[in-house]
Protein backbone atom coordinates (compact mmCIF):
# COMPACT_ATOMS: atom_id res chain seq x y z
CA UNK A 1 -7.11 38.46 44.87
CA UNK A 2 -9.85 37.94 47.28
CA UNK A 3 -9.55 39.27 50.96
CA UNK A 4 -10.73 38.48 54.50
CA UNK A 5 -11.24 40.63 57.04
CA UNK A 6 -12.82 38.76 59.89
CA UNK A 7 -15.55 37.43 58.80
CA UNK A 8 -16.12 39.07 55.84
CA UNK A 9 -14.30 38.13 52.03
CA UNK A 10 -14.09 40.52 49.70
CA UNK A 11 -14.04 39.43 46.16
CA UNK A 12 -14.13 41.04 42.81
CA UNK A 13 -18.01 40.22 42.87
CA UNK A 14 -18.68 41.15 46.51
CA UNK A 15 -20.51 44.24 47.45
CA UNK A 16 -18.50 46.95 48.50
CA UNK A 17 -16.56 46.85 52.11
CA UNK A 18 -17.33 50.11 53.55
CA UNK A 19 -15.06 51.31 56.28
CA UNK A 20 -15.70 54.62 58.40
CA UNK A 21 -12.66 56.34 59.09
CA UNK A 22 -12.68 57.79 62.86
CA UNK A 23 -9.09 58.99 62.08
CA UNK A 24 -8.17 60.94 64.95
CA UNK A 25 -11.40 63.28 65.10
CA UNK A 26 -12.17 61.83 68.46
CA UNK A 27 -9.06 63.61 69.64
CA UNK A 28 -8.46 61.32 72.63
CA UNK A 29 -11.57 60.90 74.04
CA UNK A 30 -12.48 57.10 74.52
CA UNK A 31 -16.24 58.16 74.97
CA UNK A 32 -16.13 59.70 71.45
CA UNK A 33 -14.06 56.76 70.35
CA UNK A 34 -16.78 54.54 71.88
CA UNK A 35 -19.84 56.58 70.41
CA UNK A 36 -18.32 56.45 66.87
CA UNK A 37 -17.78 52.89 67.21
CA UNK A 38 -22.03 52.33 68.06
CA UNK A 39 -22.97 55.04 65.40
CA UNK A 40 -21.03 53.67 62.74
CA UNK A 41 -22.63 50.45 63.28
CA UNK A 42 -26.23 51.55 63.19
CA UNK A 43 -25.14 53.44 59.97
CA UNK A 44 -24.13 49.91 57.96
CA UNK A 45 -20.56 50.56 57.75
CA UNK A 46 -18.85 47.20 57.74
CA UNK A 47 -15.73 48.67 59.75
CA UNK A 48 -14.74 51.52 61.40
CA UNK A 49 -10.83 52.57 61.53
CA UNK A 50 -8.54 54.27 63.98
CA UNK A 51 -5.50 55.41 63.81
CA UNK A 52 -1.95 54.14 65.95
CA UNK A 53 0.58 56.50 66.30
CA UNK A 54 3.79 56.19 68.16
CA UNK A 55 5.14 59.42 66.98
CA UNK A 56 8.88 58.98 67.97
CA UNK A 57 8.78 55.91 65.74
CA UNK A 58 7.21 57.54 62.94
CA UNK A 59 8.44 61.04 62.52
CA UNK A 60 10.76 63.67 63.71
CA UNK A 61 9.33 66.42 66.16
CA UNK A 62 10.05 68.95 63.62
CA UNK A 63 8.45 67.35 60.71
CA UNK A 64 6.52 69.92 58.81
CA UNK A 65 2.57 70.20 58.78
CA UNK A 66 -0.06 70.66 56.26
CA UNK A 67 -2.84 73.85 57.35
CA UNK A 68 -5.31 71.50 58.29
CA UNK A 69 -3.17 71.23 61.58
CA UNK A 70 -3.51 73.95 64.15
CA UNK A 71 -0.36 72.68 66.21
CA UNK A 72 2.87 70.95 64.66
CA UNK A 73 1.47 67.40 64.18
CA UNK A 74 3.92 65.50 66.39
CA UNK A 75 3.14 67.75 69.60
CA UNK A 76 -0.67 67.24 68.30
CA UNK A 77 -0.16 63.03 68.16
CA UNK A 78 1.52 63.30 71.31
CA UNK A 79 -1.59 64.66 72.64
CA UNK A 80 -4.64 62.72 71.18
CA UNK A 81 -3.62 59.75 69.99
CA UNK A 82 -5.34 56.69 71.61
CA UNK A 83 -2.83 54.19 73.81
CA UNK A 84 -2.72 50.40 72.72
CA UNK A 85 -4.44 49.50 75.56
CA UNK A 86 -7.20 51.98 74.69
CA UNK A 87 -7.20 50.07 71.04
CA UNK A 88 -7.27 47.00 72.77
CA UNK A 89 -10.76 47.94 74.40
CA UNK A 90 -12.21 49.41 70.96
CA UNK A 91 -11.42 46.09 69.47
CA UNK A 92 -13.30 44.41 71.72
CA UNK A 93 -16.54 46.54 71.71
CA UNK A 94 -16.21 46.27 68.10
CA UNK A 95 -16.64 42.46 68.48
CA UNK A 96 -19.57 42.42 71.01
CA UNK A 97 -21.10 45.19 68.87
CA UNK A 98 -20.28 42.93 65.21
CA UNK A 99 -18.53 45.71 63.18
CA UNK A 100 -15.02 45.04 62.17
CA UNK A 101 -12.29 46.86 64.14
CA UNK A 102 -9.58 48.05 61.65
CA UNK A 103 -6.92 50.31 62.54
CA UNK A 104 -3.90 52.20 60.43
CA UNK A 105 -0.20 51.60 62.13
CA UNK A 106 1.85 54.47 60.90
CA UNK A 107 5.51 52.77 61.69
CA UNK A 108 6.39 48.78 62.32
CA UNK A 109 6.70 49.30 66.00
CA UNK A 110 2.71 50.61 66.21
CA UNK A 111 1.97 47.62 63.65
CA UNK A 112 3.95 45.17 66.17
CA UNK A 113 1.31 46.16 68.94
CA UNK A 114 -1.94 45.99 66.93
CA UNK A 115 -0.57 42.62 66.05
CA UNK A 116 -0.55 41.84 69.32
CA UNK A 117 -4.09 42.70 70.40
CA UNK A 118 -5.22 40.55 67.77
CA UNK A 119 -6.25 42.83 64.55
CA UNK A 120 -7.14 41.17 61.22
CA UNK A 121 -6.17 43.57 58.96
CA UNK A 122 -4.14 46.73 58.47
CA UNK A 123 -5.15 49.82 56.63
CA UNK A 124 -1.69 51.57 55.17
CA UNK A 125 -1.98 55.40 54.75
CA UNK A 126 -0.56 56.85 51.72
CA UNK A 127 2.54 58.43 53.31
CA UNK A 128 3.69 54.94 53.84
CA UNK A 129 2.51 53.76 50.50
CA UNK A 130 6.02 54.40 48.85
CA UNK A 131 7.65 53.29 51.95
CA UNK A 132 8.42 49.20 50.66
CA UNK A 133 10.65 48.27 53.40
CA UNK A 134 8.13 48.92 56.11
CA UNK A 135 5.44 47.64 54.31
CA UNK A 136 7.43 44.04 53.87
CA UNK A 137 8.26 43.79 57.54
CA UNK A 138 4.41 44.81 58.59
CA UNK A 139 3.41 41.75 56.17
CA UNK A 140 5.57 39.41 58.42
CA UNK A 141 2.74 39.66 61.14
CA UNK A 142 0.90 38.01 58.71
CA UNK A 143 -2.03 40.47 58.28
CA UNK A 144 -3.75 41.68 54.68
CA UNK A 145 -3.31 45.45 53.69
CA UNK A 146 -5.29 48.19 52.41
CA UNK A 147 -2.93 50.75 51.28
CA UNK A 148 -4.08 53.77 49.74
CA UNK A 149 -2.13 55.36 46.68
CA UNK A 150 -2.69 59.48 47.77
CA UNK A 151 0.55 62.08 46.60
CA UNK A 152 1.56 59.09 43.91
CA UNK A 153 2.53 58.46 40.61
CA UNK A 154 1.44 55.54 38.74
CA UNK A 155 4.87 54.64 38.14
CA UNK A 156 5.13 54.80 42.25
CA UNK A 157 2.12 52.90 42.58
CA UNK A 158 3.23 50.38 40.40
CA UNK A 159 6.72 49.91 42.35
CA UNK A 160 5.21 49.35 45.39
CA UNK A 161 2.58 46.44 43.93
CA UNK A 162 5.34 45.08 41.69
CA UNK A 163 7.47 44.74 45.32
CA UNK A 164 4.76 43.15 47.48
CA UNK A 165 3.19 41.22 44.96
CA UNK A 166 6.57 39.27 43.96
CA UNK A 167 6.65 38.67 48.10
CA UNK A 168 3.31 36.90 48.05
CA UNK A 169 1.31 40.16 50.26
CA UNK A 170 -1.97 40.03 50.40
CA UNK A 171 -3.10 43.61 49.66
CA UNK A 172 -5.47 45.97 47.79
CA UNK A 173 -4.71 49.31 46.38
CA UNK A 174 -7.46 52.56 47.54
CA UNK A 175 -7.36 55.37 44.90
CA UNK A 176 -6.59 58.27 47.14
CA UNK A 177 -6.05 61.95 46.82
CA UNK A 178 -4.36 63.51 49.82
CA UNK A 179 -5.82 66.87 49.45
CA UNK A 180 -8.00 68.31 52.33
CA UNK A 181 -10.51 68.52 50.79
CA UNK A 182 -9.77 67.71 47.39
CA UNK A 183 -10.90 69.86 44.33
CA UNK A 184 -13.16 67.51 42.63
CA UNK A 185 -11.54 67.88 39.60
CA UNK A 186 -8.44 66.64 41.37
CA UNK A 187 -10.28 63.44 42.26
CA UNK A 188 -9.85 61.32 38.88
CA UNK A 189 -12.35 58.17 39.78
CA UNK A 190 -11.66 56.41 36.50
CA UNK A 191 -7.97 56.28 37.86
CA UNK A 192 -9.75 53.13 39.77
CA UNK A 193 -10.88 51.48 36.51
CA UNK A 194 -7.09 52.19 35.30
CA UNK A 195 -5.39 50.78 38.29
CA UNK A 196 -8.02 47.87 37.63
CA UNK A 197 -6.81 47.24 34.34
CA UNK A 198 -2.98 47.50 35.53
CA UNK A 199 -3.29 45.71 38.41
CA UNK A 200 -6.12 42.71 37.60
CA UNK A 201 -4.73 40.11 40.39
CA UNK A 202 -5.76 42.35 43.01
CA UNK A 203 -8.90 44.23 44.58
CA UNK A 204 -8.91 48.00 44.06
CA UNK A 205 -10.91 50.29 46.56
CA UNK A 206 -11.32 54.58 46.92
CA UNK A 207 -10.08 56.06 49.62
CA UNK A 208 -12.25 59.76 49.48
CA UNK A 209 -11.54 63.26 51.10
CA UNK A 210 -14.18 64.96 50.08
CA UNK A 211 -16.96 66.85 52.54
CA UNK A 212 -19.79 64.90 50.86
CA UNK A 213 -20.81 61.35 49.05
CA UNK A 214 -21.15 62.36 45.55
CA UNK A 215 -17.28 60.84 44.54
CA UNK A 216 -18.30 57.49 46.67
CA UNK A 217 -20.87 56.64 44.71
CA UNK A 218 -18.89 56.78 41.20
CA UNK A 219 -15.83 54.94 42.41
CA UNK A 220 -18.65 52.36 43.17
CA UNK A 221 -19.20 52.77 39.80
CA UNK A 222 -15.83 52.77 38.51
CA UNK A 223 -15.51 49.23 40.54
CA UNK A 224 -14.09 50.01 44.09
CA UNK A 225 -14.55 46.92 46.11
CA UNK A 226 -13.00 49.09 49.09
CA UNK A 227 -14.09 52.51 50.40
CA UNK A 228 -13.16 54.59 53.15
CA UNK A 229 -14.93 57.43 54.29
CA UNK A 230 -13.59 60.08 57.41
CA UNK A 231 -16.58 60.31 59.64
CA UNK A 232 -17.24 62.37 62.93
CA UNK A 233 -20.32 62.61 65.50
CA UNK A 234 -20.79 66.43 64.43
CA UNK A 235 -19.11 68.69 62.16
CA UNK A 236 -18.97 71.30 64.35
CA UNK A 237 -16.86 69.27 66.33
CA UNK A 238 -13.13 70.67 65.93
CA UNK A 239 -10.77 68.31 64.57
CA UNK A 240 -7.60 67.85 62.31
CA UNK A 241 -9.88 65.78 59.53
CA UNK A 242 -13.13 67.94 60.45
CA UNK A 243 -13.19 69.36 57.00
CA UNK A 244 -13.15 66.20 55.09
CA UNK A 245 -15.33 64.42 57.34
CA UNK A 246 -19.20 63.69 57.05
CA UNK A 247 -21.40 63.08 59.96
CA UNK A 248 -23.10 59.96 60.83
CA UNK A 249 -26.20 60.53 59.27
CA UNK A 250 -24.11 61.36 55.93
CA UNK A 251 -22.79 58.10 56.31
CA UNK A 252 -26.34 56.08 56.86
CA UNK A 253 -27.31 57.86 53.56
CA UNK A 254 -23.78 56.66 51.92
CA UNK A 255 -24.50 53.45 52.97
CA UNK A 256 -28.06 53.28 51.78
CA UNK A 257 -26.98 55.01 48.46
CA UNK A 258 -23.73 52.57 47.63
CA UNK A 259 -25.74 49.72 48.34
CA UNK A 260 -28.57 51.44 46.00
CA UNK A 261 -26.36 52.03 43.11
CA UNK A 262 -24.78 47.96 43.37
CA UNK A 263 -28.49 46.84 42.97
CA UNK A 264 -28.35 48.99 39.97
CA UNK A 265 -25.62 47.93 38.50
CA UNK A 266 -26.94 45.43 36.33
CA UNK A 267 -25.86 45.09 32.38
CA UNK A 268 -28.74 42.95 31.04
CA UNK A 269 -31.42 44.91 29.00
CA UNK A 270 -34.59 43.02 28.91
CA UNK A 271 -38.46 43.92 29.42
CA UNK A 272 -39.15 43.56 33.46
CA UNK A 273 -42.06 41.91 34.53
CA UNK A 274 -43.03 45.03 36.51
CA UNK A 275 -42.50 47.17 32.69
CA UNK A 276 -44.99 44.67 31.46
CA UNK A 277 -48.22 46.39 32.16
CA UNK A 278 -46.84 49.77 31.67
CA UNK A 279 -45.45 48.77 28.34
CA UNK A 280 -49.10 47.98 27.43
CA UNK A 281 -50.95 51.09 27.93
CA UNK A 282 -47.22 53.30 26.94
CA UNK A 283 -46.57 51.97 23.73
CA UNK A 284 -48.23 52.83 20.78
CA UNK A 285 -50.14 51.10 17.79
CA UNK A 286 -52.27 51.92 14.86
CA UNK A 287 -54.93 53.45 14.93
CA UNK A 288 -58.10 54.89 12.36
CA UNK A 289 -58.06 58.72 11.97
CA UNK A 290 -61.14 58.62 10.38
CA UNK A 291 -63.96 56.05 9.70
CA UNK A 292 -62.91 53.79 6.80
CA UNK A 293 -65.52 51.62 4.89
CA UNK A 294 -65.13 47.75 4.13
CA UNK A 295 -63.18 47.46 0.71
CA UNK A 296 -61.29 51.00 1.13
CA UNK A 297 -57.84 50.83 0.60
CA UNK A 298 -56.13 52.35 3.42
CA UNK A 299 -54.26 55.29 2.53
CA UNK A 300 -51.48 57.49 4.87
CA UNK A 301 -54.11 60.29 5.54
CA UNK A 302 -56.38 57.65 7.22
CA UNK A 303 -54.10 55.96 9.88
CA UNK A 304 -51.54 56.99 12.41
CA UNK A 305 -50.45 55.74 15.78
CA UNK A 306 -51.71 56.53 19.51
CA UNK A 307 -51.67 54.95 22.33
CA UNK A 308 -52.69 51.80 24.07
CA UNK A 309 -50.04 49.55 22.89
CA UNK A 310 -52.62 46.66 22.19
CA UNK A 311 -52.93 46.54 18.41
CA UNK A 312 -51.05 46.85 15.73
CA UNK A 313 -47.21 47.53 16.81
CA UNK A 314 -46.48 51.47 15.83
CA UNK A 315 -43.68 50.13 13.60
CA UNK A 316 -46.07 48.50 11.67
CA UNK A 317 -47.85 51.74 10.06
CA UNK A 318 -46.13 50.80 6.88
CA UNK A 319 -47.48 47.80 6.48
CA UNK A 320 -50.64 48.71 6.96
CA UNK A 321 -51.23 51.39 4.55
CA UNK A 322 -51.73 49.92 1.06
CA UNK A 323 -54.25 47.55 2.32
CA UNK A 324 -57.78 46.87 2.28
CA UNK A 325 -60.20 47.29 5.03
CA UNK A 326 -62.16 43.81 5.44
CA UNK A 327 -64.97 45.06 7.23
CA UNK A 328 -65.49 48.81 8.45
CA UNK A 329 -63.40 50.17 10.83
CA UNK A 330 -65.05 53.38 12.96
CA UNK A 331 -63.33 56.65 13.64
CA UNK A 332 -60.51 56.69 16.20
CA UNK A 333 -60.15 53.19 17.02
CA UNK A 334 -57.34 50.18 16.92
CA UNK A 335 -57.04 48.64 13.77
CA UNK A 336 -56.23 44.68 13.84
CA UNK A 337 -54.84 42.25 11.56
CA UNK A 338 -58.22 40.54 11.09
CA UNK A 339 -59.53 43.68 9.86
CA UNK A 340 -57.29 43.73 6.93
CA UNK A 341 -56.62 41.79 3.80
């Protein structure tokens, strides 16, 4: 079940592994790509992920495209995709800056080139999730895979799981909705819990396409061990994934928020040490409403409950009524057991 990426081993009990997805938001500009590495590191992400496209290996030139592309996808990738030499430079830069370099190959040929520059793991996009022959071929290169599951049914996900699991592949599955941007009603975060139930021997994560961070926090609560989020250096900058990307300030907020949510996910209910001083004044005790003479039998009209909680606990009010006062009890004062017969 555990997956090791570089120096970090992700386990069912480890903190969520946060991936900044650079996608093609750099538009082929290496200065922007380098800045994305630097800013993702500053924001606290565990990894930054790029994409390696060899258009002729992954698609026909007239493949249909979605509305988030203003030109044919084939033409866009020919123009904006990074070359393998540039990926190698970014991989070295990530090592220097101590942030994990990850990349999505969109063909076996692209995976092989990435293998040759020393990648530690592959991220597999949703479009390739059902391409079992390619996934098994890529596994021959020996790197773990994080596989998104957008556009797929649970039955299709199960088919891929069975094929990879039986072949001994090291992989994780990421819940995903491949809309740009998605409707919140289509995210279905509890699918993470369902996938954890169906596939208990692998790790489950979440790849998020919303333009903010809310569903990411929810994914962590649902048990996601990986979190992938599209990023850009500037939301005003044009790009194919601009509508589903957060900027680097938001990435910093995401990392900070996830770590705080994780810290808050304990399941033990107890009186914490820092609650005890507050408990003393905030809880309520039995108090006298009127002066109670020595020897008087205490009635309902004589007592009630008020703060602080340092006297007879308010829940014991019924045990106080009907008892006899040993001594005079002034009005509006805490009762003590030693005051009573």
